[in-house]
Amino acid sequence: MANLQTLQSLGILLPSPAYLIGAVLFGLIGFAAYRYGKRVGRRRSQWLGVALMLYPYAIAQTWLLYVVGAALCAGLFIDRN
């Protein structure tokens, strides 16, 4: 527990469980979209999949993670049709 307090005093905060679940969920969706796009030759689906896999590294707020993830998933849904 002292290590956690030391990290917090240095300004390093651990992500919440909701953030971790969202990052893993959108990463898996992104991986599936990338594989699907590669298999059927849809470049936009591939790039949306890459974006879904990588954007959690650039976003720190949990609410923003879910908003951007939902928007990218909507882009996948629109690209599918």
Protein backbone atom coordinates (compact mmCIF):
# COMPACT_ATOMS: atom_id res chain seq x y z
CA MET A 1 0.00 0.00 0.00
CA ALA A 2 2.95 2.32 0.59
CA ASN A 3 3.96 1.88 -3.05
CA LEU A 4 0.54 3.08 -4.20
CA GLN A 5 0.82 6.17 -2.02
CA THR A 6 4.30 6.84 -3.39
CA LEU A 7 3.00 6.63 -6.95
CA GLN A 8 0.10 8.95 -6.14
CA SER A 9 2.46 11.48 -4.58
CA LEU A 10 4.43 11.47 -7.85
CA GLY A 11 1.24 12.22 -9.78
CA ILE A 12 0.84 8.73 -11.24
CA LEU A 13 -2.74 7.52 -10.95
CA LEU A 14 -3.96 4.05 -11.77
CA PRO A 15 -6.93 3.76 -14.15
CA SER A 16 -10.32 2.80 -12.81
CA PRO A 17 -11.79 -0.66 -13.46
CA ALA A 18 -14.36 0.93 -15.79
CA TYR A 19 -11.55 2.43 -17.86
CA LEU A 20 -9.69 -0.89 -18.06
CA ILE A 21 -12.83 -2.76 -19.10
CA GLY A 22 -13.58 -0.17 -21.77
CA ALA A 23 -10.02 -0.21 -23.10
CA VAL A 24 -10.02 -4.00 -23.38
CA LEU A 25 -13.52 -4.10 -24.89
CA PHE A 26 -12.80 -1.50 -27.57
CA GLY A 27 -9.41 -3.07 -28.23
CA LEU A 28 -11.07 -6.43 -28.92
CA ILE A 29 -13.68 -4.82 -31.15
CA GLY A 30 -10.88 -3.01 -32.98
CA PHE A 31 -8.94 -6.22 -33.47
CA ALA A 32 -12.02 -7.96 -34.87
CA ALA A 33 -12.71 -5.00 -37.18
CA TYR A 34 -9.12 -5.01 -38.40
CA ARG A 35 -9.24 -8.72 -39.16
CA TYR A 36 -12.61 -8.37 -40.90
CA GLY A 37 -11.40 -5.44 -42.99
CA LYS A 38 -8.26 -7.29 -43.98
CA ARG A 39 -10.17 -10.43 -44.93
CA VAL A 40 -12.75 -8.70 -47.14
CA GLY A 41 -10.50 -5.91 -48.41
CA ARG A 42 -12.17 -2.94 -46.70
CA ARG A 43 -9.47 -0.40 -45.92
CA ARG A 44 -11.77 1.88 -43.90
CA SER A 45 -12.73 -0.98 -41.58
CA GLN A 46 -9.06 -1.81 -41.13
CA TRP A 47 -8.18 1.77 -40.18
CA LEU A 48 -11.17 2.09 -37.86
CA GLY A 49 -10.02 -1.13 -36.20
CA VAL A 50 -6.51 0.26 -35.75
CA ALA A 51 -7.98 3.46 -34.30
CA LEU A 52 -10.10 1.44 -31.86
CA MET A 53 -7.06 -0.50 -30.72
CA LEU A 54 -4.80 2.53 -30.23
CA TYR A 55 -6.93 5.45 -29.05
CA PRO A 56 -7.14 4.34 -25.38
CA TYR A 57 -3.44 5.16 -25.08
CA ALA A 58 -4.17 8.81 -25.89
CA ILE A 59 -7.26 9.34 -23.72
CA ALA A 60 -7.15 9.51 -19.93
CA GLN A 61 -10.78 10.22 -18.96
CA THR A 62 -13.16 7.28 -18.70
CA TRP A 63 -16.19 9.14 -20.07
CA LEU A 64 -14.22 10.29 -23.10
CA LEU A 65 -12.98 6.74 -23.70
CA TYR A 66 -16.56 5.51 -24.00
CA VAL A 67 -17.73 8.45 -26.14
CA VAL A 68 -14.90 8.09 -28.67
CA GLY A 69 -15.22 4.30 -28.65
CA ALA A 70 -18.94 4.49 -29.33
CA ALA A 71 -18.33 6.96 -32.17
CA LEU A 72 -15.71 4.71 -33.76
CA CYS A 73 -18.01 1.68 -33.38
CA ALA A 74 -20.79 3.68 -35.05
CA GLY A 75 -18.35 4.40 -37.87
CA LEU A 76 -17.76 0.66 -38.21
CA PHE A 77 -21.50 0.04 -38.30
CA ILE A 78 -22.01 2.69 -40.99
CA ASP A 79 -19.05 1.39 -43.02
CA ARG A 80 -20.47 -2.13 -42.88
CA ASN A 81 -23.61 -1.14 -44.81
